[in-house]
Amino acid sequence: MAAEDLSVVRRSLVPQAHDTWESIAQAMFAQVDLESAVSQLQSWNLHVFMRPAPPAGSPRAGNPILPSDIIFLEPPLADAADTL
């Protein structure tokens, strides 16, 4: 990978402790149907979506999103090799 390729950054955020898929979707994609926005976020963030949720009774029960995660707000960028 060439250094000039590193200047393009995929839009993302670091979630707050209370964030959920729904709260992020509402804040970032208010103009889009909530169910569709959540579905897109989850498809762009399989590294979080496919993580097992914390057990019932845990303060984070049912929510796999951690404040240390990076949540992508757009699909993966095209690989430079794919555009040749």
Protein backbone atom coordinates (compact mmCIF):
# COMPACT_ATOMS: atom_id res chain seq x y z
CA MET A 1 0.00 0.00 0.00
CA ALA A 2 1.39 3.36 -1.00
CA ALA A 3 1.48 6.29 1.43
CA GLU A 4 -0.92 8.33 -0.73
CA ASP A 5 -3.58 5.64 -0.18
CA LEU A 6 -3.54 6.41 3.53
CA SER A 7 -4.88 9.94 3.02
CA VAL A 8 -8.40 8.59 2.43
CA VAL A 9 -10.16 7.87 5.71
CA ARG A 10 -13.41 5.98 6.09
CA ARG A 11 -16.00 7.95 8.10
CA SER A 12 -16.29 6.55 11.60
CA LEU A 13 -16.95 7.39 15.24
CA VAL A 14 -16.01 6.16 18.69
CA PRO A 15 -19.27 5.42 20.52
CA GLN A 16 -20.26 6.74 23.91
CA ALA A 17 -20.85 4.24 26.73
CA HIS A 18 -24.64 4.40 26.28
CA ASP A 19 -24.71 4.12 22.45
CA THR A 20 -26.66 1.38 20.71
CA TRP A 21 -27.18 0.61 17.02
CA GLU A 22 -30.42 2.57 17.21
CA SER A 23 -28.97 5.65 18.91
CA ILE A 24 -26.10 5.85 16.43
CA ALA A 25 -28.46 5.36 13.47
CA GLN A 26 -30.80 8.09 14.75
CA ALA A 27 -27.96 10.53 15.31
CA MET A 28 -26.08 9.91 12.08
CA PHE A 29 -28.84 8.95 9.62
CA ALA A 30 -31.95 10.77 10.83
CA GLN A 31 -33.25 11.06 7.26
CA VAL A 32 -33.21 7.27 6.75
CA ASP A 33 -35.74 4.75 8.07
CA LEU A 34 -34.40 3.56 11.46
CA GLU A 35 -34.58 -0.15 10.62
CA SER A 36 -32.70 0.38 7.34
CA ALA A 37 -30.08 2.59 8.97
CA VAL A 38 -29.44 0.05 11.74
CA SER A 39 -29.16 -2.75 9.18
CA GLN A 40 -26.61 -0.79 7.14
CA LEU A 41 -24.55 0.10 10.21
CA GLN A 42 -24.46 -3.52 11.27
CA SER A 43 -23.39 -4.67 7.79
CA TRP A 44 -20.54 -2.14 7.78
CA ASN A 45 -19.45 -3.16 11.30
CA LEU A 46 -19.43 -6.95 11.35
CA HIS A 47 -16.46 -6.84 13.74
CA VAL A 48 -18.93 -5.51 16.36
CA PHE A 49 -22.25 -6.94 15.16
CA MET A 50 -21.01 -10.55 15.19
CA ARG A 51 -19.45 -10.23 18.66
CA PRO A 52 -21.39 -12.13 21.32
CA ALA A 53 -23.48 -9.76 23.42
CA PRO A 54 -22.71 -9.56 27.15
CA PRO A 55 -24.70 -11.99 29.32
CA ALA A 56 -28.10 -11.13 30.79
CA GLY A 57 -27.73 -9.25 34.04
CA SER A 58 -24.62 -7.45 32.82
CA PRO A 59 -24.79 -3.62 32.67
CA ARG A 60 -24.28 -3.92 28.89
CA ALA A 61 -26.70 -6.86 28.39
CA GLY A 62 -27.91 -7.12 24.81
CA ASN A 63 -25.55 -4.45 23.48
CA PRO A 64 -22.29 -5.60 21.87
CA ILE A 65 -21.05 -2.01 21.26
CA LEU A 66 -18.18 -0.97 23.52
CA PRO A 67 -16.80 2.57 24.02
CA SER A 68 -13.46 1.30 22.68
CA ASP A 69 -14.98 0.24 19.33
CA ILE A 70 -14.68 2.09 16.06
CA ILE A 71 -18.04 2.25 14.31
CA PHE A 72 -17.87 2.84 10.56
CA LEU A 73 -20.48 5.21 9.14
CA GLU A 74 -20.04 4.26 5.50
CA PRO A 75 -19.36 1.10 3.52
CA PRO A 76 -15.82 -0.12 2.88
CA LEU A 77 -13.97 2.05 0.41
CA ALA A 78 -13.10 0.50 -2.94
CA ASP A 79 -9.66 -1.04 -3.07
CA ALA A 80 -7.32 0.95 -5.32
CA ALA A 81 -6.48 -2.27 -7.20
CA ASP A 82 -10.17 -2.72 -8.03
CA THR A 83 -10.33 0.62 -9.81
CA LEU A 84 -7.55 -0.16 -12.31
